[in-house]
Amino acid sequence: MENLLITGGAGFIGSNFVHHILDKYPDCKVIVYDKLTYAGNLDNLQDVADDPRYSFVRGDICDMEFVEDVVQEHKVDGIVNFAAETHVDRSILEPGSFIQTDVYGTHVLLEAVRKFGLRRMVHISTDEVYGSVVEGSSVETDNLLPNSPYSASKAGADLMCRAYHVTYGVPVVITRGSNNFGPYQYPEKVIPLFITNALDDKPLPLYGDGLNVRDWLYVLDHCDAIDLMLHEGRDGEIYNVGSNHELTNLELTETILELMGKPKSLIQFVEDRPGHDRRYSLDSTKIHGLGWRPNHAFENALEGTVRWYTENRWWWEKIKSGAYDNYYERQYGTRRVLTGS
């Protein structure tokens, strides 16, 4: 791809993917398209802001007219869609915004791919669409059984992608990743929240009994998988992306505290959230068949993540203090805005 539109590219996984693409492909131009809601942060991209191959567009993926204008103006070849409302707790409080962004916004992007004949769209989904997995591991053909408004909205987006491929022949590939962690992750998510709380000797709020199980995937390994899907994935197919490193949330929390030399007394058990899935597990045999494997050992990646948050207080302190609340609205207003080269 020569001109790649990366929606949600100022967020956690999206910004890591921008760095990955610019580092790996010297002839590729990236156009980051992001609404800059609470989790979108241009600090994530400040080190590439002066790169002539990078452009930033502030916009909403639900704005069909503007999306199409950007696709045409930048001669976009392909789209990687990270844009989504993602936090389960927030989806319980305000499900409507998740349906709007995750389902309708995906429809807008698929329409742009169809209308302008783009070469491919990669849609980033989640293991949560399979629902809680008591035993074994989810395969791509399993039924979707989402249990939260967030996972239901992501399942709806996946089905929209399938429908556009079957009905219109739109070249779209879906990835379903397990829990990601790494640099630039918004500190409401469990790993950055617990690391940053522990740095300040604050309690680590652990839901329920702490025995919910998650598979942990380092974000740069996920970026490798998405890159592979962009170039070698098969249109209309779904690919699970997991690391096969499952931990209970309690084990994860204790590991973080051990790495940081902090006491387990910081763990504070809190009331479980509604519809909290007990376990996710992915069978990634399909993407393994294309040669992908995680390159980062979990222990090393977690240690590096702890180190990153320890060394980058400037990044997360202003987020947790609320200093960034409505920052971009104050800077840009609510208008859609084109900046960069």
C-alpha atoms as a PDB file:
ATOM      1  CA  MET A   1       0.000   0.000   0.000  1.00  0.00           C
ATOM      2  CA  GLU A   2       1.305   3.444  -0.889  1.00  0.00           C
ATOM      3  CA  ASN A   3      -1.245   5.578   0.984  1.00  0.00           C
ATOM      4  CA  LEU A   4      -2.687   3.987   4.098  1.00  0.00           C
ATOM      5  CA  LEU A   5      -5.567   5.474   6.084  1.00  0.00           C
ATOM      6  CA  ILE A   6      -5.235   4.457   9.733  1.00  0.00           C
ATOM      7  CA  THR A   7      -8.445   5.242  11.577  1.00  0.00           C
ATOM      8  CA  GLY A   8      -8.072   5.544  15.332  1.00  0.00           C
ATOM      9  CA  GLY A   9      -4.362   5.990  14.685  1.00  0.00           C
ATOM     10  CA  ALA A  10      -3.837   8.291  17.671  1.00  0.00           C
ATOM     11  CA  GLY A  11      -4.991   5.593  20.085  1.00  0.00           C
ATOM     12  CA  PHE A  12      -3.032   2.819  21.737  1.00  0.00           C
ATOM     13  CA  ILE A  13      -2.746   0.035  19.142  1.00  0.00           C
ATOM     14  CA  GLY A  14      -3.214   2.445  16.248  1.00  0.00           C
ATOM     15  CA  SER A  15      -0.282   4.682  17.191  1.00  0.00           C
ATOM     16  CA  ASN A  16       1.968   1.665  17.696  1.00  0.00           C
ATOM     17  CA  PHE A  17       0.937   0.484  14.237  1.00  0.00           C
ATOM     18  CA  VAL A  18       1.755   3.897  12.742  1.00  0.00           C
ATOM     19  CA  HIS A  19       5.272   3.622  14.157  1.00  0.00           C
ATOM     20  CA  HIS A  20       5.541   0.072  12.829  1.00  0.00           C
ATOM     21  CA  ILE A  21       4.532   1.058   9.290  1.00  0.00           C
ATOM     22  CA  LEU A  22       6.763   4.133   9.102  1.00  0.00           C
ATOM     23  CA  ASP A  23       9.727   2.156  10.451  1.00  0.00           C
ATOM     24  CA  LYS A  24       9.248  -0.782   8.087  1.00  0.00           C
ATOM     25  CA  TYR A  25       8.051   0.770   4.810  1.00  0.00           C
ATOM     26  CA  PRO A  26      10.012   3.842   3.690  1.00  0.00           C
ATOM     27  CA  ASP A  27       7.743   4.442   0.674  1.00  0.00           C
ATOM     28  CA  CYS A  28       4.422   4.203   2.539  1.00  0.00           C
ATOM     29  CA  LYS A  29       2.494   7.310   3.531  1.00  0.00           C
ATOM     30  CA  VAL A  30       0.137   7.126   6.496  1.00  0.00           C
ATOM     31  CA  ILE A  31      -2.880   9.318   7.070  1.00  0.00           C
ATOM     32  CA  VAL A  32      -4.016   9.109  10.681  1.00  0.00           C
ATOM     33  CA  TYR A  33      -7.731   9.786  11.008  1.00  0.00           C
ATOM     34  CA  ASP A  34      -8.872  10.204  14.603  1.00  0.00           C
ATOM     35  CA  LYS A  35     -11.713  11.931  16.402  1.00  0.00           C
ATOM     36  CA  LEU A  36      -9.425  12.554  19.401  1.00  0.00           C
ATOM     37  CA  THR A  37     -11.900  11.502  22.025  1.00  0.00           C
ATOM     38  CA  TYR A  38     -10.571  10.764  25.499  1.00  0.00           C
ATOM     39  CA  ALA A  39      -8.279   7.894  24.411  1.00  0.00           C
ATOM     40  CA  GLY A  40      -6.906   9.559  21.243  1.00  0.00           C
ATOM     41  CA  ASN A  41      -3.697  11.394  22.060  1.00  0.00           C
ATOM     42  CA  LEU A  42      -1.357  13.167  19.654  1.00  0.00           C
ATOM     43  CA  ASP A  43       1.438  12.772  22.204  1.00  0.00           C
ATOM     44  CA  ASN A  44       1.472   9.159  20.991  1.00  0.00           C
ATOM     45  CA  LEU A  45       2.659  10.420  17.601  1.00  0.00           C
ATOM     46  CA  GLN A  46       4.776  13.427  18.491  1.00  0.00           C
ATOM     47  CA  ASP A  47       7.999  11.721  17.360  1.00  0.00           C
ATOM     48  CA  VAL A  48       6.642  11.298  13.801  1.00  0.00           C
ATOM     49  CA  ALA A  49       4.858  14.652  13.565  1.00  0.00           C
ATOM     50  CA  ASP A  50       7.543  16.102  11.270  1.00  0.00           C
ATOM     51  CA  ASP A  51       7.845  13.020   9.063  1.00  0.00           C
ATOM     52  CA  PRO A  52       6.753  14.014   5.520  1.00  0.00           C
ATOM     53  CA  ARG A  53       5.137  10.593   5.123  1.00  0.00           C
ATOM     54  CA  TYR A  54       2.723  11.303   7.986  1.00  0.00           C
ATOM     55  CA  SER A  55      -0.467  13.356   7.933  1.00  0.00           C
ATOM     56  CA  PHE A  56      -3.103  13.821  10.592  1.00  0.00           C
ATOM     57  CA  VAL A  57      -6.815  14.382  10.058  1.00  0.00           C
ATOM     58  CA  ARG A  58      -9.168  15.074  12.934  1.00  0.00           C
ATOM     59  CA  GLY A  59     -12.502  13.549  12.062  1.00  0.00           C
ATOM     60  CA  ASP A  60     -15.235  11.106  13.018  1.00  0.00           C
ATOM     61  CA  ILE A  61     -15.543   7.816  11.109  1.00  0.00           C
ATOM     62  CA  CYS A  62     -19.319   8.318  11.281  1.00  0.00           C
ATOM     63  CA  ASP A  63     -18.964  11.405   9.059  1.00  0.00           C
ATOM     64  CA  MET A  64     -19.389   9.747   5.655  1.00  0.00           C
ATOM     65  CA  GLU A  65     -18.895  12.884   3.560  1.00  0.00           C
ATOM     66  CA  PHE A  66     -15.647  13.803   5.283  1.00  0.00           C
ATOM     67  CA  VAL A  67     -14.291  10.235   5.219  1.00  0.00           C
ATOM     68  CA  GLU A  68     -14.874  10.124   1.465  1.00  0.00           C
ATOM     69  CA  ASP A  69     -13.242  13.533   0.995  1.00  0.00           C
ATOM     70  CA  VAL A  70     -10.140  12.351   2.853  1.00  0.00           C
ATOM     71  CA  VAL A  71      -9.968   9.085   0.907  1.00  0.00           C
ATOM     72  CA  GLN A  72     -10.070  10.987  -2.384  1.00  0.00           C
ATOM     73  CA  GLU A  73      -7.747  13.833  -1.380  1.00  0.00           C
ATOM     74  CA  HIS A  74      -5.034  11.496  -0.117  1.00  0.00           C
ATOM     75  CA  LYS A  75      -5.499   8.869  -2.852  1.00  0.00           C
ATOM     76  CA  VAL A  76      -5.932   6.203  -0.180  1.00  0.00           C
ATOM     77  CA  ASP A  77      -5.160   2.611  -1.219  1.00  0.00           C
ATOM     78  CA  GLY A  78      -6.174   0.825   1.961  1.00  0.00           C
ATOM     79  CA  ILE A  79      -7.680   1.290   5.407  1.00  0.00           C
ATOM     80  CA  VAL A  80      -6.752  -0.206   8.764  1.00  0.00           C
ATOM     81  CA  ASN A  81      -9.602   0.432  11.180  1.00  0.00           C
ATOM     82  CA  PHE A  82      -8.675   0.777  14.845  1.00  0.00           C
ATOM     83  CA  ALA A  83     -11.323   3.441  15.502  1.00  0.00           C
ATOM     84  CA  ALA A  84     -13.742   2.218  18.151  1.00  0.00           C
ATOM     85  CA  GLU A  85     -15.150   2.814  21.562  1.00  0.00           C
ATOM     86  CA  THR A  86     -13.396   0.061  23.501  1.00  0.00           C
ATOM     87  CA  HIS A  87     -13.707   0.111  27.284  1.00  0.00           C
ATOM     88  CA  VAL A  88     -16.265  -2.347  28.665  1.00  0.00           C
ATOM     89  CA  ASP A  89     -17.015  -0.277  31.768  1.00  0.00           C
ATOM     90  CA  ARG A  90     -17.826   2.766  29.639  1.00  0.00           C
ATOM     91  CA  SER A  91     -20.048   0.673  27.362  1.00  0.00           C
ATOM     92  CA  ILE A  92     -22.169  -0.344  30.343  1.00  0.00           C
ATOM     93  CA  LEU A  93     -22.733   3.318  31.187  1.00  0.00           C
ATOM     94  CA  GLU A  94     -23.264   4.651  27.650  1.00  0.00           C
ATOM     95  CA  PRO A  95     -23.945   1.862  25.113  1.00  0.00           C
ATOM     96  CA  GLY A  96     -25.360   4.155  22.426  1.00  0.00           C
ATOM     97  CA  SER A  97     -22.026   5.748  21.529  1.00  0.00           C
ATOM     98  CA  PHE A  98     -20.487   2.284  21.115  1.00  0.00           C
ATOM     99  CA  ILE A  99     -23.182   1.217  18.658  1.00  0.00           C
ATOM    100  CA  GLN A 100     -22.797   4.450  16.707  1.00  0.00           C
ATOM    101  CA  THR A 101     -19.006   4.396  16.393  1.00  0.00           C
ATOM    102  CA  ASP A 102     -18.311   0.677  16.239  1.00  0.00           C
ATOM    103  CA  VAL A 103     -21.157  -0.407  13.933  1.00  0.00           C
ATOM    104  CA  TYR A 104     -22.194   2.631  11.906  1.00  0.00           C
ATOM    105  CA  GLY A 105     -18.631   3.954  11.679  1.00  0.00           C
ATOM    106  CA  THR A 106     -17.447   0.617  10.286  1.00  0.00           C
ATOM    107  CA  HIS A 107     -20.253   0.782   7.719  1.00  0.00           C
ATOM    108  CA  VAL A 108     -19.022   4.220   6.611  1.00  0.00           C
ATOM    109  CA  LEU A 109     -15.492   2.898   6.056  1.00  0.00           C
ATOM    110  CA  LEU A 110     -16.754  -0.152   4.162  1.00  0.00           C
ATOM    111  CA  GLU A 111     -18.780   2.148   1.927  1.00  0.00           C
ATOM    112  CA  ALA A 112     -15.641   4.151   1.141  1.00  0.00           C
ATOM    113  CA  VAL A 113     -13.751   0.957   0.250  1.00  0.00           C
ATOM    114  CA  ARG A 114     -16.615  -0.140  -2.007  1.00  0.00           C
ATOM    115  CA  LYS A 115     -17.224   3.234  -3.632  1.00  0.00           C
ATOM    116  CA  PHE A 116     -13.600   4.034  -4.453  1.00  0.00           C
ATOM    117  CA  GLY A 117     -12.321   0.527  -5.129  1.00  0.00           C
ATOM    118  CA  LEU A 118      -9.682   0.447  -2.404  1.00  0.00           C
ATOM    119  CA  ARG A 119      -7.361  -2.538  -2.371  1.00  0.00           C
ATOM    120  CA  ARG A 120      -8.079  -3.698   1.166  1.00  0.00           C
ATOM    121  CA  MET A 121      -9.493  -2.873   4.573  1.00  0.00           C
ATOM    122  CA  VAL A 122      -8.288  -4.581   7.745  1.00  0.00           C
ATOM    123  CA  HIS A 123     -10.818  -4.343  10.552  1.00  0.00           C
ATOM    124  CA  ILE A 124      -9.480  -4.762  14.085  1.00  0.00           C
ATOM    125  CA  SER A 125     -11.871  -6.712  16.287  1.00  0.00           C
ATOM    126  CA  THR A 126     -11.526  -8.525  19.631  1.00  0.00           C
ATOM    127  CA  ASP A 127     -11.668 -11.935  21.265  1.00  0.00           C
ATOM    128  CA  GLU A 128     -14.552 -10.620  23.378  1.00  0.00           C
ATOM    129  CA  VAL A 129     -17.042 -11.212  20.540  1.00  0.00           C
ATOM    130  CA  TYR A 130     -16.889 -14.956  21.317  1.00  0.00           C
ATOM    131  CA  GLY A 131     -18.076 -14.397  24.868  1.00  0.00           C
ATOM    132  CA  SER A 132     -16.816 -16.267  27.892  1.00  0.00           C
ATOM    133  CA  VAL A 133     -14.956 -19.499  27.083  1.00  0.00           C
ATOM    134  CA  VAL A 134     -15.191 -22.062  29.892  1.00  0.00           C
ATOM    135  CA  GLU A 135     -12.732 -24.497  28.354  1.00  0.00           C
ATOM    136  CA  GLY A 136     -10.832 -24.916  25.113  1.00  0.00           C
ATOM    137  CA  SER A 137     -10.175 -22.025  22.752  1.00  0.00           C
ATOM    138  CA  SER A 138     -12.280 -20.053  20.282  1.00  0.00           C
ATOM    139  CA  VAL A 139     -11.843 -20.661  16.564  1.00  0.00           C
ATOM    140  CA  GLU A 140     -12.872 -18.241  13.853  1.00  0.00           C
ATOM    141  CA  THR A 141     -16.016 -20.200  12.921  1.00  0.00           C
ATOM    142  CA  ASP A 142     -17.435 -20.236  16.460  1.00  0.00           C
ATOM    143  CA  ASN A 143     -20.728 -18.480  17.166  1.00  0.00           C
ATOM    144  CA  LEU A 144     -20.548 -14.920  18.436  1.00  0.00           C
ATOM    145  CA  LEU A 145     -21.893 -14.625  21.986  1.00  0.00           C
ATOM    146  CA  PRO A 146     -21.028 -11.117  23.197  1.00  0.00           C
ATOM    147  CA  ASN A 147     -21.931 -10.297  26.784  1.00  0.00           C
ATOM    148  CA  SER A 148     -21.356  -6.533  27.021  1.00  0.00           C
ATOM    149  CA  PRO A 149     -22.496  -3.577  24.920  1.00  0.00           C
ATOM    150  CA  TYR A 150     -18.858  -3.159  23.851  1.00  0.00           C
ATOM    151  CA  SER A 151     -18.408  -6.709  22.607  1.00  0.00           C
ATOM    152  CA  ALA A 152     -21.869  -6.663  21.016  1.00  0.00           C
ATOM    153  CA  SER A 153     -20.976  -3.516  19.075  1.00  0.00           C
ATOM    154  CA  LYS A 154     -17.727  -5.109  17.890  1.00  0.00           C
ATOM    155  CA  ALA A 155     -19.609  -8.261  16.867  1.00  0.00           C
ATOM    156  CA  GLY A 156     -22.008  -6.064  14.900  1.00  0.00           C
ATOM    157  CA  ALA A 157     -19.083  -4.459  13.101  1.00  0.00           C
ATOM    158  CA  ASP A 158     -17.632  -7.880  12.264  1.00  0.00           C
ATOM    159  CA  LEU A 159     -20.935  -8.974  10.779  1.00  0.00           C
ATOM    160  CA  MET A 160     -21.139  -5.779   8.751  1.00  0.00           C
ATOM    161  CA  CYS A 161     -17.687  -6.548   7.318  1.00  0.00           C
ATOM    162  CA  ARG A 162     -18.796 -10.057   6.395  1.00  0.00           C
ATOM    163  CA  ALA A 163     -21.983  -8.766   4.772  1.00  0.00           C
ATOM    164  CA  TYR A 164     -20.062  -6.226   2.684  1.00  0.00           C
ATOM    165  CA  HIS A 165     -17.664  -8.896   1.479  1.00  0.00           C
ATOM    166  CA  VAL A 166     -20.394 -11.402   0.602  1.00  0.00           C
ATOM    167  CA  THR A 167     -22.818  -8.876  -0.898  1.00  0.00           C
ATOM    168  CA  TYR A 168     -20.492  -6.413  -2.615  1.00  0.00           C
ATOM    169  CA  GLY A 169     -17.163  -8.246  -2.796  1.00  0.00           C
ATOM    170  CA  VAL A 170     -15.483  -5.638  -0.591  1.00  0.00           C
ATOM    171  CA  PRO A 171     -11.889  -6.738   0.169  1.00  0.00           C
ATOM    172  CA  VAL A 172     -11.947  -6.780   3.962  1.00  0.00           C
ATOM    173  CA  VAL A 173     -10.060  -8.899   6.485  1.00  0.00           C
ATOM    174  CA  ILE A 174     -10.974  -9.154  10.187  1.00  0.00           C
ATOM    175  CA  THR A 175      -8.519  -9.740  13.029  1.00  0.00           C
ATOM    176  CA  ARG A 176      -9.653 -10.743  16.499  1.00  0.00           C
ATOM    177  CA  GLY A 177      -6.898 -10.066  19.004  1.00  0.00           C
ATOM    178  CA  SER A 178      -6.553 -10.992  22.646  1.00  0.00           C
ATOM    179  CA  ASN A 179      -5.814  -8.445  25.398  1.00  0.00           C
ATOM    180  CA  ASN A 180      -3.076  -6.071  24.255  1.00  0.00           C
ATOM    181  CA  PHE A 181      -0.560  -4.288  26.443  1.00  0.00           C
ATOM    182  CA  GLY A 182       2.427  -2.013  25.900  1.00  0.00           C
ATOM    183  CA  PRO A 183       3.388   1.677  25.585  1.00  0.00           C
ATOM    184  CA  TYR A 184       0.775   4.407  25.036  1.00  0.00           C
ATOM    185  CA  GLN A 185      -2.145   2.415  26.469  1.00  0.00           C
ATOM    186  CA  TYR A 186      -4.728   4.669  28.092  1.00  0.00           C
ATOM    187  CA  PRO A 187      -4.462   4.264  31.878  1.00  0.00           C
ATOM    188  CA  GLU A 188      -8.011   3.073  32.457  1.00  0.00           C
ATOM    189  CA  LYS A 189      -6.980  -0.363  31.162  1.00  0.00           C
ATOM    190  CA  VAL A 190      -5.782  -2.822  33.759  1.00  0.00           C
ATOM    191  CA  ILE A 191      -2.020  -3.017  33.088  1.00  0.00           C
ATOM    192  CA  PRO A 192      -1.275   0.725  32.751  1.00  0.00           C
ATOM    193  CA  LEU A 193      -3.751   1.523  35.535  1.00  0.00           C
ATOM    194  CA  PHE A 194      -2.083  -0.892  37.924  1.00  0.00           C
ATOM    195  CA  ILE A 195       1.449   0.156  36.961  1.00  0.00           C
ATOM    196  CA  THR A 196       0.748   3.856  37.367  1.00  0.00           C
ATOM    197  CA  ASN A 197      -1.191   3.346  40.597  1.00  0.00           C
ATOM    198  CA  ALA A 198       1.630   1.235  42.004  1.00  0.00           C
ATOM    199  CA  LEU A 199       4.182   3.902  41.078  1.00  0.00           C
ATOM    200  CA  ASP A 200       2.251   6.270  43.346  1.00  0.00           C
ATOM    201  CA  ASP A 201       1.568   3.610  45.997  1.00  0.00           C
ATOM    202  CA  LYS A 202      -2.166   3.789  45.350  1.00  0.00           C
ATOM    203  CA  PRO A 203      -4.548   0.796  45.599  1.00  0.00           C
ATOM    204  CA  LEU A 204      -4.931  -1.551  42.630  1.00  0.00           C
ATOM    205  CA  PRO A 205      -8.715  -2.172  42.264  1.00  0.00           C
ATOM    206  CA  LEU A 206      -9.177  -5.820  41.264  1.00  0.00           C
ATOM    207  CA  TYR A 207     -12.631  -6.962  40.177  1.00  0.00           C
ATOM    208  CA  GLY A 208     -14.360  -9.829  41.991  1.00  0.00           C
ATOM    209  CA  ASP A 209     -12.111 -12.675  43.088  1.00  0.00           C
ATOM    210  CA  GLY A 210      -9.428 -11.806  40.521  1.00  0.00           C
ATOM    211  CA  LEU A 211      -9.680 -15.209  38.857  1.00  0.00           C
ATOM    212  CA  ASN A 212     -10.921 -14.036  35.452  1.00  0.00           C
ATOM    213  CA  VAL A 213      -8.528 -15.335  32.800  1.00  0.00           C
ATOM    214  CA  ARG A 214      -7.115 -13.345  29.891  1.00  0.00           C
ATOM    215  CA  ASP A 215      -4.565 -14.057  27.152  1.00  0.00           C
ATOM    216  CA  TRP A 216      -1.974 -11.250  27.000  1.00  0.00           C
ATOM    217  CA  LEU A 217      -0.541 -10.112  23.656  1.00  0.00           C
ATOM    218  CA  TYR A 218       2.227  -7.517  23.361  1.00  0.00           C
ATOM    219  CA  VAL A 219       1.085  -4.701  21.106  1.00  0.00           C
ATOM    220  CA  LEU A 220       4.086  -4.881  18.727  1.00  0.00           C
ATOM    221  CA  ASP A 221       3.357  -8.562  18.070  1.00  0.00           C
ATOM    222  CA  HIS A 222      -0.215  -7.576  17.247  1.00  0.00           C
ATOM    223  CA  CYS A 223       1.107  -4.914  14.852  1.00  0.00           C
ATOM    224  CA  ASP A 224       3.149  -7.587  13.053  1.00  0.00           C
ATOM    225  CA  ALA A 225       0.003  -9.669  12.645  1.00  0.00           C
ATOM    226  CA  ILE A 226      -2.037  -6.749  11.302  1.00  0.00           C
ATOM    227  CA  ASP A 227       0.743  -5.926   8.838  1.00  0.00           C
ATOM    228  CA  LEU A 228       0.658  -9.543   7.650  1.00  0.00           C
ATOM    229  CA  MET A 229      -3.129  -9.345   7.205  1.00  0.00           C
ATOM    230  CA  LEU A 230      -2.780  -6.142   5.224  1.00  0.00           C
ATOM    231  CA  HIS A 231      -0.479  -7.804   2.723  1.00  0.00           C
ATOM    232  CA  GLU A 232      -1.230 -11.535   2.848  1.00  0.00           C
ATOM    233  CA  GLY A 233      -4.604 -12.017   4.526  1.00  0.00           C
ATOM    234  CA  ARG A 234      -7.384 -13.522   2.456  1.00  0.00           C
ATOM    235  CA  ASP A 235     -10.346 -11.256   1.702  1.00  0.00           C
ATOM    236  CA  GLY A 236     -13.459 -12.131   3.648  1.00  0.00           C
ATOM    237  CA  GLU A 237     -11.540 -14.147   6.232  1.00  0.00           C
ATOM    238  CA  ILE A 238     -11.215 -13.789  10.003  1.00  0.00           C
ATOM    239  CA  TYR A 239      -7.934 -14.399  11.835  1.00  0.00           C
ATOM    240  CA  ASN A 240      -7.540 -14.884  15.575  1.00  0.00           C
ATOM    241  CA  VAL A 241      -4.408 -13.274  17.015  1.00  0.00           C
ATOM    242  CA  GLY A 242      -3.455 -14.616  20.433  1.00  0.00           C
ATOM    243  CA  SER A 243      -0.236 -15.231  22.322  1.00  0.00           C
ATOM    244  CA  ASN A 244      -1.294 -18.371  24.223  1.00  0.00           C
ATOM    245  CA  HIS A 245      -0.167 -16.756  27.477  1.00  0.00           C
ATOM    246  CA  GLU A 246      -3.147 -16.959  29.814  1.00  0.00           C
ATOM    247  CA  LEU A 247      -3.122 -15.530  33.328  1.00  0.00           C
ATOM    248  CA  THR A 248      -5.731 -14.844  35.949  1.00  0.00           C
ATOM    249  CA  ASN A 249      -6.088 -11.153  36.701  1.00  0.00           C
ATOM    250  CA  LEU A 250      -4.747 -11.884  40.182  1.00  0.00           C
ATOM    251  CA  GLU A 251      -1.637 -13.565  38.766  1.00  0.00           C
ATOM    252  CA  LEU A 252      -1.136 -10.601  36.440  1.00  0.00           C
ATOM    253  CA  THR A 253      -1.501  -8.124  39.306  1.00  0.00           C
ATOM    254  CA  GLU A 254       0.944  -9.994  41.524  1.00  0.00           C
ATOM    255  CA  THR A 255       3.465 -10.195  38.682  1.00  0.00           C
ATOM    256  CA  ILE A 256       3.278  -6.429  38.134  1.00  0.00           C
ATOM    257  CA  LEU A 257       3.796  -5.747  41.843  1.00  0.00           C
ATOM    258  CA  GLU A 258       6.720  -8.178  41.970  1.00  0.00           C
ATOM    259  CA  LEU A 259       8.400  -6.504  38.986  1.00  0.00           C
ATOM    260  CA  MET A 260       7.964  -3.124  40.647  1.00  0.00           C
ATOM    261  CA  GLY A 261       9.044  -4.219  44.117  1.00  0.00           C
ATOM    262  CA  LYS A 262       5.676  -3.203  45.554  1.00  0.00           C
ATOM    263  CA  PRO A 263       3.702  -5.015  48.280  1.00  0.00           C
ATOM    264  CA  LYS A 264       0.668  -7.198  47.580  1.00  0.00           C
ATOM    265  CA  SER A 265      -1.153  -5.159  50.206  1.00  0.00           C
ATOM    266  CA  LEU A 266      -1.820  -2.617  47.407  1.00  0.00           C
ATOM    267  CA  ILE A 267      -4.347  -5.065  45.920  1.00  0.00           C
ATOM    268  CA  GLN A 268      -7.884  -3.941  46.697  1.00  0.00           C
ATOM    269  CA  PHE A 269     -10.674  -6.337  45.745  1.00  0.00           C
ATOM    270  CA  VAL A 270     -13.753  -4.460  44.505  1.00  0.00           C
ATOM    271  CA  GLU A 271     -17.271  -5.439  43.455  1.00  0.00           C
ATOM    272  CA  ASP A 272     -17.300  -7.244  40.132  1.00  0.00           C
ATOM    273  CA  ARG A 273     -18.723  -5.467  37.112  1.00  0.00           C
ATOM    274  CA  PRO A 274     -21.934  -6.704  35.421  1.00  0.00           C
ATOM    275  CA  GLY A 275     -21.501  -9.355  32.724  1.00  0.00           C
ATOM    276  CA  HIS A 276     -17.794  -9.837  33.457  1.00  0.00           C
ATOM    277  CA  ASP A 277     -16.628 -12.688  31.190  1.00  0.00           C
ATOM    278  CA  ARG A 278     -14.708 -15.341  33.094  1.00  0.00           C
ATOM    279  CA  ARG A 279     -12.225 -16.371  30.421  1.00  0.00           C
ATOM    280  CA  TYR A 280     -11.149 -15.626  26.865  1.00  0.00           C
ATOM    281  CA  SER A 281      -8.917 -17.945  24.854  1.00  0.00           C
ATOM    282  CA  LEU A 282      -8.056 -17.916  21.162  1.00  0.00           C
ATOM    283  CA  ASP A 283      -6.944 -20.674  18.826  1.00  0.00           C
ATOM    284  CA  SER A 284      -4.511 -18.883  16.480  1.00  0.00           C
ATOM    285  CA  THR A 285      -3.697 -21.868  14.274  1.00  0.00           C
ATOM    286  CA  LYS A 286      -5.036 -20.107  11.184  1.00  0.00           C
ATOM    287  CA  ILE A 287      -2.665 -17.133  11.332  1.00  0.00           C
ATOM    288  CA  HIS A 288       0.175 -19.421  12.364  1.00  0.00           C
ATOM    289  CA  GLY A 289      -0.313 -21.040   8.970  1.00  0.00           C
ATOM    290  CA  LEU A 290       0.767 -17.745   7.391  1.00  0.00           C
ATOM    291  CA  GLY A 291       3.958 -17.693   9.442  1.00  0.00           C
ATOM    292  CA  TRP A 292       3.015 -15.356  12.290  1.00  0.00           C
ATOM    293  CA  ARG A 293       4.153 -16.031  15.841  1.00  0.00           C
ATOM    294  CA  PRO A 294       4.601 -13.675  18.807  1.00  0.00           C
ATOM    295  CA  ASN A 295       8.208 -12.472  18.944  1.00  0.00           C
ATOM    296  CA  HIS A 296       8.180 -11.069  22.473  1.00  0.00           C
ATOM    297  CA  ALA A 297       8.219 -13.231  25.599  1.00  0.00           C
ATOM    298  CA  PHE A 298       5.493 -12.063  27.968  1.00  0.00           C
ATOM    299  CA  GLU A 299       7.812 -11.553  30.929  1.00  0.00           C
ATOM    300  CA  ASN A 300      10.241  -9.399  28.932  1.00  0.00           C
ATOM    301  CA  ALA A 301       7.435  -7.403  27.312  1.00  0.00           C
ATOM    302  CA  LEU A 302       5.731  -6.745  30.654  1.00  0.00           C
ATOM    303  CA  GLU A 303       9.023  -5.679  32.225  1.00  0.00           C
ATOM    304  CA  GLY A 304       9.608  -3.302  29.294  1.00  0.00           C
ATOM    305  CA  THR A 305       6.075  -1.946  29.679  1.00  0.00           C
ATOM    306  CA  VAL A 306       6.613  -1.260  33.380  1.00  0.00           C
ATOM    307  CA  ARG A 307       9.848   0.510  32.501  1.00  0.00           C
ATOM    308  CA  TRP A 308       8.104   2.631  29.831  1.00  0.00           C
ATOM    309  CA  TYR A 309       5.440   3.922  32.217  1.00  0.00           C
ATOM    310  CA  THR A 310       8.063   4.477  34.896  1.00  0.00           C
ATOM    311  CA  GLU A 311      10.180   6.581  32.515  1.00  0.00           C
ATOM    312  CA  ASN A 312       7.259   8.444  30.895  1.00  0.00           C
ATOM    313  CA  ARG A 313       5.351  10.057  33.716  1.00  0.00           C
ATOM    314  CA  TRP A 314       4.993  13.126  31.493  1.00  0.00           C
ATOM    315  CA  TRP A 315       2.724  11.073  29.239  1.00  0.00           C
ATOM    316  CA  TRP A 316       0.319   9.563  31.760  1.00  0.00           C
ATOM    317  CA  GLU A 317       0.263  11.988  34.684  1.00  0.00           C
ATOM    318  CA  LYS A 318      -1.607  14.685  32.781  1.00  0.00           C
ATOM    319  CA  ILE A 319      -4.114  12.088  31.557  1.00  0.00           C
ATOM    320  CA  LYS A 320      -4.845  10.764  35.020  1.00  0.00           C
ATOM    321  CA  SER A 321      -4.979  14.262  36.497  1.00  0.00           C
ATOM    322  CA  GLY A 322      -7.658  15.292  34.003  1.00  0.00           C
ATOM    323  CA  ALA A 323      -5.430  17.928  32.419  1.00  0.00           C
ATOM    324  CA  TYR A 324      -6.315  16.536  28.973  1.00  0.00           C
ATOM    325  CA  ASP A 325     -10.087  16.573  29.523  1.00  0.00           C
ATOM    326  CA  ASN A 326     -11.629  18.287  26.491  1.00  0.00           C
ATOM    327  CA  TYR A 327      -8.129  19.413  25.436  1.00  0.00           C
ATOM    328  CA  TYR A 328      -8.668  18.846  21.736  1.00  0.00           C
ATOM    329  CA  GLU A 329     -12.115  20.431  21.773  1.00  0.00           C
ATOM    330  CA  ARG A 330     -10.505  23.527  23.251  1.00  0.00           C
ATOM    331  CA  GLN A 331      -7.735  23.442  20.646  1.00  0.00           C
ATOM    332  CA  TYR A 332      -9.706  22.537  17.524  1.00  0.00           C
ATOM    333  CA  GLY A 333     -13.320  23.055  18.508  1.00  0.00           C
ATOM    334  CA  THR A 334     -15.674  20.346  17.279  1.00  0.00           C
ATOM    335  CA  ARG A 335     -14.788  20.902  13.628  1.00  0.00           C
ATOM    336  CA  ARG A 336     -13.163  18.271  11.472  1.00  0.00           C
ATOM    337  CA  VAL A 337      -9.619  19.409  10.819  1.00  0.00           C
ATOM    338  CA  LEU A 338      -6.795  18.500   8.473  1.00  0.00           C
ATOM    339  CA  THR A 339      -3.237  19.063   9.703  1.00  0.00           C
ATOM    340  CA  GLY A 340       0.235  17.809   8.926  1.00  0.00           C
ATOM    341  CA  SER A 341       2.021  17.348   5.642  1.00  0.00           C
END
